[in-house]
Amino acid sequence: MKIIWTRHGEDRQKEWEKKLEIKREEVENILRNPEQIVSGDQNILIAQSKRSNGLLRVAVEDVEEGRKILTLYWTSRVKKYWKEY
């Protein structure tokens, strides 16, 4: 799967790298092997994995070329976003 970084996605990753040392490779690994994928608004998928007592969430859009990273963020609100099946 090809991963396409948007400018916004790159900017957000750099911000989180300064705060929590979230590297580009970690984000791409979550897309390749997420602990969970949930649906977002308007055909957006959220790949997420637990990290540092929180959750790293990567919003992506499936496009013809692969998966396009729209944004990403870390949150401590695991119970709000984690889906128990």
N, C-alpha and C. Protein backbone atom coordinates (compact mmCIF):
# COMPACT_ATOMS: atom_id res chain seq x y z
N MET A 1 0.84 -1.17 0.00
CA MET A 1 0.00 0.00 0.00
C MET A 1 0.89 1.24 0.00
N LYS A 2 0.61 2.15 -0.90
CA LYS A 2 1.34 3.41 -0.95
C LYS A 2 0.72 4.39 0.04
N ILE A 3 1.59 5.07 0.78
CA ILE A 3 1.14 6.07 1.75
C ILE A 3 1.48 7.45 1.20
N ILE A 4 0.46 8.29 1.11
CA ILE A 4 0.61 9.64 0.57
C ILE A 4 0.45 10.63 1.72
N TRP A 5 1.46 11.43 1.93
CA TRP A 5 1.43 12.44 3.00
C TRP A 5 0.94 13.76 2.45
N THR A 6 -0.07 14.34 3.08
CA THR A 6 -0.49 15.70 2.75
C THR A 6 0.41 16.66 3.52
N ARG A 7 0.41 17.89 3.12
CA ARG A 7 1.20 18.91 3.81
C ARG A 7 0.74 19.03 5.27
N HIS A 8 -0.59 19.02 5.46
CA HIS A 8 -1.14 19.11 6.81
C HIS A 8 -0.70 17.91 7.65
N GLY A 9 -0.77 16.72 7.08
CA GLY A 9 -0.34 15.52 7.79
C GLY A 9 1.12 15.60 8.21
N GLU A 10 1.97 16.08 7.31
CA GLU A 10 3.39 16.24 7.62
C GLU A 10 3.60 17.26 8.74
N ASP A 11 2.88 18.36 8.67
CA ASP A 11 3.00 19.39 9.70
C ASP A 11 2.58 18.86 11.07
N ARG A 12 1.47 18.13 11.11
CA ARG A 12 0.98 17.58 12.37
C ARG A 12 1.97 16.56 12.94
N GLN A 13 2.54 15.74 12.06
CA GLN A 13 3.51 14.74 12.53
C GLN A 13 4.72 15.44 13.15
N LYS A 14 5.19 16.49 12.55
CA LYS A 14 6.33 17.23 13.10
C LYS A 14 6.00 17.84 14.45
N GLU A 15 4.78 18.35 14.59
CA GLU A 15 4.36 18.91 15.88
C GLU A 15 4.36 17.83 16.96
N TRP A 16 3.80 16.66 16.64
CA TRP A 16 3.73 15.58 17.61
C TRP A 16 5.10 14.94 17.86
N GLU A 17 5.98 15.04 16.90
CA GLU A 17 7.33 14.53 17.13
C GLU A 17 8.02 15.36 18.22
N LYS A 18 7.79 16.67 18.20
CA LYS A 18 8.37 17.54 19.23
C LYS A 18 7.77 17.25 20.61
N LYS A 19 6.46 16.97 20.65
CA LYS A 19 5.77 16.77 21.93
C LYS A 19 5.97 15.36 22.50
N LEU A 20 5.81 14.33 21.65
CA LEU A 20 5.81 12.95 22.13
C LEU A 20 6.74 12.02 21.34
N GLU A 21 7.61 12.59 20.53
CA GLU A 21 8.56 11.80 19.74
C GLU A 21 7.86 10.82 18.80
N ILE A 22 6.75 11.24 18.21
CA ILE A 22 6.04 10.40 17.25
C ILE A 22 6.71 10.59 15.89
N LYS A 23 7.38 9.55 15.44
CA LYS A 23 8.15 9.60 14.20
C LYS A 23 7.27 9.26 13.00
N ARG A 24 7.71 9.70 11.86
CA ARG A 24 7.02 9.42 10.60
C ARG A 24 6.84 7.90 10.40
N GLU A 25 7.88 7.14 10.71
CA GLU A 25 7.84 5.69 10.54
C GLU A 25 6.76 5.05 11.42
N GLU A 26 6.58 5.59 12.62
CA GLU A 26 5.56 5.06 13.52
C GLU A 26 4.17 5.28 12.93
N VAL A 27 3.94 6.44 12.37
CA VAL A 27 2.65 6.75 11.74
C VAL A 27 2.40 5.78 10.58
N GLU A 28 3.41 5.58 9.75
CA GLU A 28 3.26 4.67 8.60
C GLU A 28 3.04 3.23 9.07
N ASN A 29 3.68 2.83 10.16
CA ASN A 29 3.48 1.48 10.70
C ASN A 29 2.05 1.30 11.20
N ILE A 30 1.49 2.34 11.78
CA ILE A 30 0.09 2.26 12.23
C ILE A 30 -0.84 2.08 11.04
N LEU A 31 -0.53 2.73 9.93
CA LEU A 31 -1.36 2.54 8.74
C LEU A 31 -1.24 1.13 8.18
N ARG A 32 -0.05 0.57 8.26
CA ARG A 32 0.15 -0.78 7.73
C ARG A 32 -0.41 -1.86 8.67
N ASN A 33 -0.32 -1.62 9.96
CA ASN A 33 -0.76 -2.61 10.96
C ASN A 33 -1.47 -1.93 12.12
N PRO A 34 -2.61 -1.34 11.88
CA PRO A 34 -3.32 -0.66 12.99
C PRO A 34 -3.90 -1.67 13.96
N GLU A 35 -3.99 -1.28 15.21
CA GLU A 35 -4.69 -2.12 16.18
C GLU A 35 -6.18 -2.10 15.86
N GLN A 36 -6.63 -0.98 15.31
CA GLN A 36 -8.06 -0.83 15.02
C GLN A 36 -8.26 0.21 13.92
N ILE A 37 -9.28 -0.01 13.09
CA ILE A 37 -9.70 0.99 12.10
C ILE A 37 -11.17 1.26 12.35
N VAL A 38 -11.52 2.54 12.48
CA VAL A 38 -12.91 2.93 12.69
C VAL A 38 -13.31 3.92 11.60
N SER A 39 -14.59 4.03 11.38
CA SER A 39 -15.10 4.95 10.38
C SER A 39 -15.20 6.36 10.94
N GLY A 40 -14.85 7.32 10.11
CA GLY A 40 -15.02 8.72 10.46
C GLY A 40 -16.10 9.32 9.58
N ASP A 41 -16.13 10.61 9.48
CA ASP A 41 -17.11 11.30 8.64
C ASP A 41 -16.70 11.25 7.17
N GLN A 42 -17.66 11.23 6.29
CA GLN A 42 -17.47 11.39 4.84
C GLN A 42 -16.39 10.47 4.26
N ASN A 43 -16.54 9.16 4.48
CA ASN A 43 -15.63 8.16 3.92
C ASN A 43 -14.20 8.25 4.43
N ILE A 44 -14.01 8.86 5.57
CA ILE A 44 -12.69 8.95 6.18
C ILE A 44 -12.53 7.74 7.11
N LEU A 45 -11.36 7.13 7.09
CA LEU A 45 -11.04 6.04 8.00
C LEU A 45 -10.04 6.54 9.03
N ILE A 46 -10.16 6.01 10.24
CA ILE A 46 -9.23 6.37 11.30
C ILE A 46 -8.49 5.10 11.72
N ALA A 47 -7.19 5.06 11.43
CA ALA A 47 -6.35 3.97 11.89
C ALA A 47 -5.83 4.39 13.25
N GLN A 48 -5.95 3.52 14.25
CA GLN A 48 -5.53 3.92 15.58
C GLN A 48 -4.85 2.77 16.30
N SER A 49 -3.92 3.16 17.17
CA SER A 49 -3.20 2.20 18.01
C SER A 49 -2.93 2.86 19.35
N LYS A 50 -2.93 2.05 20.39
CA LYS A 50 -2.66 2.55 21.73
C LYS A 50 -1.17 2.87 21.85
N ARG A 51 -0.90 3.99 22.56
CA ARG A 51 0.48 4.45 22.71
C ARG A 51 0.57 5.36 23.93
N SER A 52 1.53 5.11 24.80
CA SER A 52 1.82 5.99 25.93
C SER A 52 0.57 6.38 26.72
N ASN A 53 -0.19 5.41 27.19
CA ASN A 53 -1.41 5.67 27.96
C ASN A 53 -2.43 6.50 27.19
N GLY A 54 -2.37 6.44 25.89
CA GLY A 54 -3.31 7.17 25.05
C GLY A 54 -3.50 6.45 23.73
N LEU A 55 -3.88 7.21 22.75
CA LEU A 55 -4.23 6.66 21.45
C LEU A 55 -3.67 7.55 20.35
N LEU A 56 -2.95 6.96 19.42
CA LEU A 56 -2.49 7.70 18.25
C LEU A 56 -3.47 7.40 17.13
N ARG A 57 -4.10 8.46 16.60
CA ARG A 57 -5.14 8.33 15.58
C ARG A 57 -4.66 8.98 14.29
N VAL A 58 -4.81 8.26 13.18
CA VAL A 58 -4.38 8.75 11.87
C VAL A 58 -5.60 8.72 10.95
N ALA A 59 -6.04 9.89 10.52
CA ALA A 59 -7.19 10.00 9.62
C ALA A 59 -6.70 9.89 8.19
N VAL A 60 -7.28 8.96 7.44
CA VAL A 60 -6.85 8.72 6.06
C VAL A 60 -8.05 8.64 5.13
N GLU A 61 -7.74 8.86 3.87
CA GLU A 61 -8.73 8.71 2.81
C GLU A 61 -8.16 7.73 1.80
N ASP A 62 -8.95 6.73 1.44
CA ASP A 62 -8.51 5.80 0.41
C ASP A 62 -8.65 6.48 -0.95
N VAL A 63 -7.56 6.54 -1.69
CA VAL A 63 -7.56 7.10 -3.04
C VAL A 63 -6.99 6.05 -3.97
N GLU A 64 -7.10 6.28 -5.25
CA GLU A 64 -6.66 5.30 -6.23
C GLU A 64 -5.20 4.90 -6.04
N GLU A 65 -4.36 5.85 -5.66
CA GLU A 65 -2.92 5.59 -5.54
C GLU A 65 -2.55 4.89 -4.24
N GLY A 66 -3.42 4.94 -3.23
CA GLY A 66 -3.12 4.34 -1.94
C GLY A 66 -3.94 4.98 -0.83
N ARG A 67 -3.30 5.22 0.30
CA ARG A 67 -3.96 5.89 1.43
C ARG A 67 -3.32 7.24 1.66
N LYS A 68 -4.17 8.26 1.71
CA LYS A 68 -3.71 9.64 1.89
C LYS A 68 -3.94 10.04 3.34
N ILE A 69 -2.85 10.46 4.01
CA ILE A 69 -2.94 10.90 5.40
C ILE A 69 -3.48 12.32 5.43
N LEU A 70 -4.61 12.50 6.09
CA LEU A 70 -5.22 13.81 6.18
C LEU A 70 -4.74 14.55 7.43
N THR A 71 -4.71 13.86 8.55
CA THR A 71 -4.23 14.44 9.80
C THR A 71 -3.92 13.32 10.76
N LEU A 72 -3.31 13.65 11.87
CA LEU A 72 -3.03 12.68 12.92
C LEU A 72 -2.92 13.41 14.24
N TYR A 73 -3.20 12.68 15.30
CA TYR A 73 -3.05 13.26 16.63
C TYR A 73 -3.03 12.17 17.68
N TRP A 74 -2.52 12.53 18.84
CA TRP A 74 -2.52 11.66 20.01
C TRP A 74 -3.56 12.21 20.97
N THR A 75 -4.28 11.30 21.63
CA THR A 75 -5.27 11.71 22.62
C THR A 75 -5.21 10.77 23.82
N SER A 76 -5.53 11.32 24.97
CA SER A 76 -5.61 10.50 26.19
C SER A 76 -7.02 9.93 26.37
N ARG A 77 -7.93 10.31 25.50
CA ARG A 77 -9.34 9.91 25.63
C ARG A 77 -9.61 8.58 24.93
N VAL A 78 -8.94 7.53 25.41
CA VAL A 78 -9.06 6.21 24.80
C VAL A 78 -10.49 5.71 24.84
N LYS A 79 -11.15 5.85 25.97
CA LYS A 79 -12.52 5.32 26.11
C LYS A 79 -13.48 5.95 25.11
N LYS A 80 -13.25 7.19 24.74
CA LYS A 80 -14.14 7.87 23.79
C LYS A 80 -14.00 7.28 22.39
N TYR A 81 -12.79 6.96 21.97
CA TYR A 81 -12.54 6.58 20.58
C TYR A 81 -12.35 5.08 20.33
N TRP A 82 -11.92 4.34 21.34
CA TRP A 82 -11.66 2.92 21.16
C TRP A 82 -12.97 2.17 21.11
N LYS A 83 -13.15 1.35 20.09
CA LYS A 83 -14.40 0.59 19.92
C LYS A 83 -14.20 -0.83 20.43
N GLU A 84 -15.02 -1.19 21.38
CA GLU A 84 -15.02 -2.57 21.89
C GLU A 84 -16.08 -3.35 21.13
N TYR A 85 -15.66 -4.42 20.51
CA TYR A 85 -16.61 -5.22 19.69
C TYR A 85 -17.03 -6.46 20.42
